[in-house]
Amino acid sequence: MTKELQASTIIVGDDFLTTNKERVLKAVEQHACTGIIIKPNQIGTLSETVEVAKIAKDAGWQTIFSHRSGETIDDLIADLAVGCGADYVKFGAPSRGERVVKYNRLSKIAGELGI
């Protein structure tokens, strides 16, 4: 693999990690991934979610915040992603109301931050 491809490729430990601190620490130790999908509904609490995101960021991983399928119109995930310094979000195509509200919240945050 070329250096350019390595620099632009993210090896994501999605369901393998399940936003679980112990699994993330093991993956960091083994250099198993370079990115993680953060799903707050998989771990249980927002505190645990933030802790896992911090561990991943400290390891130099890319973080992707994702809502769950069958999601509601609650837009907290957008604030959480911004607050944790997410590199990406995964909300799906903005074709349904529960997705559009999250993108609208990101847009509002960007306006508030002047970006």
Protein backbone atom coordinates (compact mmCIF):
# COMPACT_ATOMS: atom_id res chain seq x y z
CA MET A 1 0.00 0.00 0.00
CA THR A 2 1.41 3.40 -0.94
CA LYS A 3 1.98 6.08 1.70
CA GLU A 4 -0.66 8.27 0.04
CA LEU A 5 -3.23 5.48 0.21
CA GLN A 6 -2.28 4.67 3.80
CA ALA A 7 -2.71 8.31 4.77
CA SER A 8 -6.19 8.46 3.26
CA THR A 9 -7.42 5.02 4.34
CA ILE A 10 -9.18 4.46 7.64
CA ILE A 11 -9.35 0.94 9.05
CA VAL A 12 -12.55 1.17 11.10
CA GLY A 13 -13.25 -1.26 13.94
CA ASP A 14 -17.02 -0.82 13.81
CA ASP A 15 -18.96 -3.69 15.37
CA PHE A 16 -15.72 -5.23 16.63
CA LEU A 17 -15.32 -2.33 19.04
CA THR A 18 -18.99 -1.48 19.78
CA THR A 19 -17.96 1.77 21.50
CA ASN A 20 -16.56 -0.39 24.32
CA LYS A 21 -13.62 0.96 26.35
CA GLU A 22 -11.93 -2.40 26.97
CA ARG A 23 -12.19 -3.43 23.32
CA VAL A 24 -10.91 -0.05 22.14
CA LEU A 25 -7.93 -0.18 24.51
CA LYS A 26 -7.06 -3.66 23.22
CA ALA A 27 -7.36 -2.53 19.59
CA VAL A 28 -5.15 0.51 20.30
CA GLU A 29 -2.55 -1.74 21.93
CA GLN A 30 -2.59 -4.10 18.94
CA HIS A 31 -2.66 -1.29 16.33
CA ALA A 32 -5.74 -3.04 14.90
CA CYS A 33 -7.54 0.07 13.61
CA THR A 34 -7.08 3.68 12.64
CA GLY A 35 -10.67 4.72 13.16
CA ILE A 36 -13.82 4.02 15.12
CA ILE A 37 -17.53 4.54 14.69
CA ILE A 38 -18.87 5.97 17.93
CA LYS A 39 -22.43 4.87 18.66
CA PRO A 40 -23.67 6.17 22.02
CA ASN A 41 -26.53 3.66 22.09
CA GLN A 42 -24.06 0.74 22.08
CA ILE A 43 -22.28 1.53 25.33
CA GLY A 44 -24.93 2.86 27.65
CA THR A 45 -23.93 6.29 28.96
CA LEU A 46 -22.77 9.57 27.50
CA SER A 47 -19.80 9.56 29.91
CA GLU A 48 -18.63 6.22 28.53
CA THR A 49 -19.15 7.48 24.99
CA VAL A 50 -17.01 10.57 25.62
CA GLU A 51 -14.33 8.43 27.30
CA VAL A 52 -14.13 6.05 24.33
CA ALA A 53 -13.94 8.99 21.92
CA LYS A 54 -11.08 10.48 23.96
CA ILE A 55 -9.17 7.18 23.99
CA ALA A 56 -9.54 6.92 20.22
CA LYS A 57 -8.48 10.54 19.64
CA ASP A 58 -5.47 10.13 21.95
CA ALA A 59 -4.46 7.08 19.88
CA GLY A 60 -4.57 9.21 16.73
CA TRP A 61 -7.65 7.48 15.37
CA GLN A 62 -10.30 9.11 13.21
CA THR A 63 -13.68 9.26 14.94
CA ILE A 64 -17.01 8.89 13.19
CA PHE A 65 -20.13 9.59 15.24
CA SER A 66 -23.19 7.65 14.16
CA HIS A 67 -26.80 7.50 15.17
CA ARG A 68 -28.60 4.19 15.32
CA SER A 69 -30.99 2.91 12.71
CA GLY A 70 -34.58 3.68 13.54
CA GLU A 71 -33.40 6.89 15.19
CA THR A 72 -35.64 9.63 16.54
CA ILE A 73 -35.60 13.35 15.74
CA ASP A 74 -33.37 14.02 18.77
CA ASP A 75 -30.35 16.00 17.52
CA LEU A 76 -28.05 15.56 20.56
CA ILE A 77 -25.69 13.35 18.52
CA ALA A 78 -24.70 16.40 16.45
CA ASP A 79 -23.70 18.35 19.58
CA LEU A 80 -21.90 15.31 20.96
CA ALA A 81 -19.95 14.84 17.73
CA VAL A 82 -18.86 18.49 17.69
CA GLY A 83 -18.07 18.51 21.41
CA CYS A 84 -15.88 15.42 21.07
CA GLY A 85 -14.12 16.75 17.99
CA ALA A 86 -15.45 14.09 15.63
CA ASP A 87 -13.75 13.85 12.28
CA TYR A 88 -16.92 12.64 10.57
CA VAL A 89 -20.59 11.94 11.22
CA LYS A 90 -22.66 9.11 9.80
CA PHE A 91 -26.32 10.06 9.77
CA GLY A 92 -27.30 8.74 6.35
CA ALA A 93 -28.73 10.62 3.41
CA PRO A 94 -30.78 13.66 4.48
CA SER A 95 -33.95 12.14 3.07
CA ARG A 96 -35.85 11.49 6.30
CA GLY A 97 -36.80 13.80 9.13
CA GLU A 98 -34.72 12.09 11.83
CA ARG A 99 -31.64 12.60 9.66
CA VAL A 100 -32.41 16.12 8.48
CA VAL A 101 -32.68 17.45 12.05
CA LYS A 102 -29.15 16.24 12.79
CA TYR A 103 -27.70 17.93 9.69
CA ASN A 104 -29.68 21.08 10.50
CA ARG A 105 -28.19 21.07 14.00
CA LEU A 106 -24.68 20.72 12.57
CA SER A 107 -25.39 23.67 10.27
CA LYS A 108 -26.61 25.76 13.20
CA ILE A 109 -23.53 24.87 15.26
CA ALA A 110 -21.28 25.83 12.34
CA GLY A 111 -23.05 29.20 12.13
CA GLU A 112 -22.65 29.75 15.87
CA LEU A 113 -18.95 28.95 15.60
CA GLY A 114 -18.55 31.16 12.54
CA ILE A 115 -17.32 28.37 10.27
